[in-house]
Amino acid sequence: MNRIVFFTFILLSFMPLAVKSQPKIVKLKRMDLYSTLPATVLDGDTVGVCNLSTVMVYAERKFPDAKEANMYYLLRYEVEQTYPYAIQIDATFRQLEANLKGMTTEKEKKTYLKEMDKVIKEQYRADMVGLSPEEGRILFKLINRESGTTSYDMVKTLRGSFSAFMWQSVARVFGNNMKDRYDPDTEDKEIENIVQLIQMGAI
């Protein structure tokens, strides 16, 4: 089962303050030390302008029973395991697409895709063999979150329609779907909450 997940995956390769005019640099003098701050003039007053990072406020998680707590922490573990790979795959695929756009002949593109397929296998082989089917399912979801592209479409780009169809069939046998799309508002809301905690450095 791990081998199926491995071979399926291997194919993949501040909120600014509103201003009314162009900010200008204003020197502020404190204790004979100068520093600069972007500023703008609003209604005749000079107002400093700065960018603020988004701040998320969340309550301590409470569970009705041990079973639900265990399910949550298992999901959190699986997301923590797979999210870094989704980021890497997104970056790799974006670079791949950019490189393909610069190629003029089908022969050149075919040779490049073949080389990239080999590189991806070598890069992720050791890590992917340990993924469970559920981790594979979550990875498919997170890939779509990061890239906007399904795993199926990535395989189709790398290997063509027939290979994408075959590997989708294999994935379906094990309860996975390479065409799965990420739904942060309903089905994947819990995964989204965990990803945001990761991005905040809270876990």
Protein backbone atom coordinates (compact mmCIF):
# COMPACT_ATOMS: atom_id res chain seq x y z
CA MET A 1 0.00 0.00 0.00
CA ASN A 2 2.86 2.35 0.84
CA ARG A 3 4.36 1.50 -2.52
CA ILE A 4 1.17 2.61 -4.27
CA VAL A 5 1.22 5.94 -2.44
CA PHE A 6 4.92 6.31 -3.31
CA PHE A 7 4.55 5.66 -7.01
CA THR A 8 1.46 7.85 -7.23
CA PHE A 9 3.29 10.74 -5.64
CA ILE A 10 6.58 10.22 -7.44
CA LEU A 11 4.91 11.22 -10.68
CA LEU A 12 4.21 14.69 -9.37
CA SER A 13 6.74 16.45 -9.53
CA PHE A 14 0.17 43.02 5.69
CA MET A 15 -2.58 44.49 5.64
CA PRO A 16 -1.41 48.12 4.77
CA LEU A 17 -3.10 51.20 6.20
CA ALA A 18 -5.27 53.11 3.71
CA VAL A 19 -3.75 56.29 2.36
CA LYS A 20 -5.07 59.07 0.16
CA SER A 21 -1.79 60.20 -1.37
CA GLN A 22 1.70 59.00 -2.20
CA PRO A 23 3.66 58.34 1.03
CA LYS A 24 6.74 60.45 1.68
CA ILE A 25 9.66 59.96 4.03
CA VAL A 26 9.50 61.93 7.27
CA LYS A 27 12.44 62.13 9.66
CA LEU A 28 11.60 61.65 13.33
CA LYS A 29 14.07 62.95 15.89
CA ARG A 30 14.37 61.18 19.20
CA MET A 31 17.26 61.59 21.61
CA ASP A 32 19.36 63.05 18.78
CA LEU A 33 18.97 59.81 16.78
CA TYR A 34 17.29 59.91 13.37
CA SER A 35 15.13 57.19 11.89
CA THR A 36 12.91 57.20 8.82
CA LEU A 37 9.28 56.22 8.55
CA PRO A 38 6.96 56.23 5.52
CA ALA A 39 4.24 58.81 6.04
CA THR A 40 1.37 60.55 4.34
CA VAL A 41 -0.61 63.73 4.93
CA LEU A 42 -4.24 63.29 5.93
CA ASP A 43 -6.39 66.38 6.47
CA GLY A 44 -3.30 68.50 7.01
CA ASP A 45 -1.68 66.12 9.51
CA THR A 46 1.39 63.99 8.85
CA VAL A 47 0.59 60.38 9.68
CA GLY A 48 3.05 57.52 9.80
CA VAL A 49 2.34 54.52 7.58
CA CYS A 50 3.34 50.96 8.43
CA ASN A 51 2.39 47.46 7.36
CA LEU A 52 0.77 45.16 9.91
CA SER A 53 0.93 41.39 9.75
CA THR A 54 -2.31 39.46 9.98
CA VAL A 55 -2.99 38.37 13.55
CA MET A 56 -5.08 35.30 14.22
CA VAL A 57 -6.74 34.81 17.60
CA TYR A 58 -7.77 31.31 18.53
CA ALA A 59 -9.05 29.68 21.70
CA GLU A 60 -7.53 26.70 23.43
CA ARG A 61 -8.87 23.55 21.80
CA LYS A 62 -11.23 21.49 23.96
CA PHE A 63 -12.61 18.06 23.13
CA PRO A 64 -15.75 16.29 24.36
CA ASP A 65 -13.93 12.98 24.75
CA ALA A 66 -10.59 11.22 24.31
CA LYS A 67 -11.60 9.65 20.98
CA GLU A 68 -12.18 13.03 19.30
CA ALA A 69 -8.95 14.38 20.81
CA ASN A 70 -7.00 11.43 19.40
CA MET A 71 -8.58 11.91 15.96
CA TYR A 72 -7.62 15.59 15.94
CA TYR A 73 -4.02 15.02 17.02
CA LEU A 74 -3.63 12.25 14.45
CA LEU A 75 -4.89 14.60 11.73
CA ARG A 76 -2.55 17.32 12.98
CA TYR A 77 0.39 14.92 12.80
CA GLU A 78 -0.54 13.90 9.25
CA VAL A 79 -0.84 17.52 8.10
CA GLU A 80 2.48 18.43 9.73
CA GLN A 81 4.08 15.50 7.91
CA THR A 82 2.70 16.31 4.47
CA TYR A 83 2.39 20.12 4.29
CA PRO A 84 6.14 20.74 3.73
CA TYR A 85 6.04 18.37 0.74
CA ALA A 86 3.05 20.21 -0.73
CA ILE A 87 5.01 23.47 -0.58
CA GLN A 88 8.05 21.87 -2.23
CA ILE A 89 5.94 20.24 -4.95
CA ASP A 90 4.19 23.52 -5.72
CA ALA A 91 7.53 25.30 -6.11
CA THR A 92 8.90 22.50 -8.30
CA PHE A 93 5.83 22.42 -10.53
CA ARG A 94 5.79 26.22 -10.95
CA GLN A 95 9.43 26.13 -12.01
CA LEU A 96 8.69 23.26 -14.36
CA GLU A 97 5.85 25.16 -16.02
CA ALA A 98 8.00 28.29 -16.35
CA ASN A 99 10.80 26.31 -17.98
CA LEU A 100 8.41 24.59 -20.39
CA LYS A 101 7.10 27.97 -21.58
CA GLY A 102 10.61 28.88 -22.64
CA MET A 103 10.96 25.79 -24.86
CA THR A 104 9.97 25.94 -28.50
CA THR A 105 9.96 22.32 -29.68
CA GLU A 106 8.07 19.25 -28.48
CA LYS A 107 11.29 17.24 -28.51
CA GLU A 108 12.94 19.69 -26.14
CA LYS A 109 9.92 19.58 -23.81
CA LYS A 110 9.78 15.78 -23.85
CA THR A 111 13.47 15.49 -23.00
CA TYR A 112 13.11 18.01 -20.16
CA LEU A 113 10.05 16.25 -18.68
CA LYS A 114 11.87 12.92 -18.76
CA GLU A 115 14.83 14.42 -16.90
CA MET A 116 12.54 16.08 -14.35
CA ASP A 117 10.72 12.81 -13.73
CA LYS A 118 14.02 11.18 -12.83
CA VAL A 119 15.05 14.08 -10.57
CA ILE A 120 11.73 14.01 -8.69
CA LYS A 121 11.99 10.27 -8.10
CA GLU A 122 15.50 10.60 -6.69
CA GLN A 123 14.55 13.60 -4.53
CA TYR A 124 11.44 12.18 -2.87
CA ARG A 125 11.90 8.41 -2.97
CA ALA A 126 13.15 7.95 0.61
CA ASP A 127 10.48 10.20 2.14
CA MET A 128 7.44 9.05 0.17
CA VAL A 129 7.74 5.33 0.90
CA GLY A 130 6.75 6.01 4.52
CA LEU A 131 3.49 7.80 3.76
CA SER A 132 0.25 6.06 4.70
CA PRO A 133 -2.76 6.08 2.32
CA GLU A 134 -4.43 8.72 4.52
CA GLU A 135 -1.32 10.89 4.40
CA GLY A 136 -1.36 10.46 0.63
CA ARG A 137 -4.97 11.67 0.52
CA ILE A 138 -4.12 14.73 2.62
CA LEU A 139 -1.10 15.43 0.43
CA PHE A 140 -3.30 15.45 -2.69
CA LYS A 141 -5.53 18.01 -0.96
CA LEU A 142 -2.65 20.21 0.17
CA ILE A 143 -1.05 20.15 -3.28
CA ASN A 144 -4.29 21.58 -4.66
CA ARG A 145 -4.35 24.17 -1.85
CA GLU A 146 -0.86 25.41 -2.63
CA SER A 147 -0.84 25.18 -6.41
CA GLY A 148 -4.47 25.39 -7.48
CA THR A 149 -3.71 22.30 -9.59
CA THR A 150 -4.80 18.75 -8.83
CA SER A 151 -2.31 15.89 -8.55
CA TYR A 152 -4.05 14.33 -11.56
CA ASP A 153 -3.29 17.38 -13.72
CA MET A 154 0.33 17.38 -12.54
CA VAL A 155 0.74 13.75 -13.61
CA LYS A 156 -0.97 14.57 -16.90
CA THR A 157 1.56 17.34 -17.53
CA LEU A 158 4.52 15.11 -16.66
CA ARG A 159 3.42 11.81 -18.16
CA GLY A 160 0.42 12.44 -20.40
CA SER A 161 -3.30 11.62 -20.23
CA PHE A 162 -2.95 7.83 -20.32
CA SER A 163 -0.55 7.66 -17.36
CA ALA A 164 -2.74 10.08 -15.41
CA PHE A 165 -5.77 7.87 -16.05
CA MET A 166 -3.93 4.69 -15.00
CA TRP A 167 -2.58 6.15 -11.76
CA GLN A 168 -5.97 7.66 -10.95
CA SER A 169 -7.44 4.16 -11.27
CA VAL A 170 -4.84 2.77 -8.89
CA ALA A 171 -5.45 5.59 -6.41
CA ARG A 172 -9.20 4.93 -6.47
CA VAL A 173 -8.66 1.30 -5.53
CA PHE A 174 -7.09 2.47 -2.26
CA GLY A 175 -9.77 5.07 -1.57
CA ASN A 176 -7.85 8.08 -2.85
CA ASN A 177 -8.69 10.50 -5.64
CA MET A 178 -6.00 12.43 -7.46
CA LYS A 179 -8.66 14.86 -8.69
CA ASP A 180 -9.59 15.89 -5.15
CA ARG A 181 -9.89 19.64 -4.67
CA TYR A 182 -9.27 21.50 -1.44
CA ASP A 183 -12.32 22.92 0.34
CA PRO A 184 -11.19 25.06 3.31
CA ASP A 185 -14.71 26.18 4.21
CA THR A 186 -16.40 22.81 4.71
CA GLU A 187 -14.83 19.42 4.06
CA ASP A 188 -11.23 20.47 4.75
CA LYS A 189 -11.91 23.14 7.37
CA GLU A 190 -10.02 21.26 10.09
CA ILE A 191 -7.00 20.81 7.83
CA GLU A 192 -7.08 24.52 7.00
CA ASN A 193 -7.10 25.43 10.70
CA ILE A 194 -4.05 23.24 11.26
CA VAL A 195 -2.21 24.71 8.25
CA GLN A 196 -2.82 28.23 9.54
CA LEU A 197 -1.43 27.24 12.95
CA ILE A 198 1.66 25.89 11.20
CA GLN A 199 2.08 29.11 9.22
CA MET A 200 1.78 31.14 12.42
CA GLY A 201 4.41 29.01 14.13
CA ALA A 202 1.88 28.04 16.80
CA ILE A 203 2.58 24.33 16.34
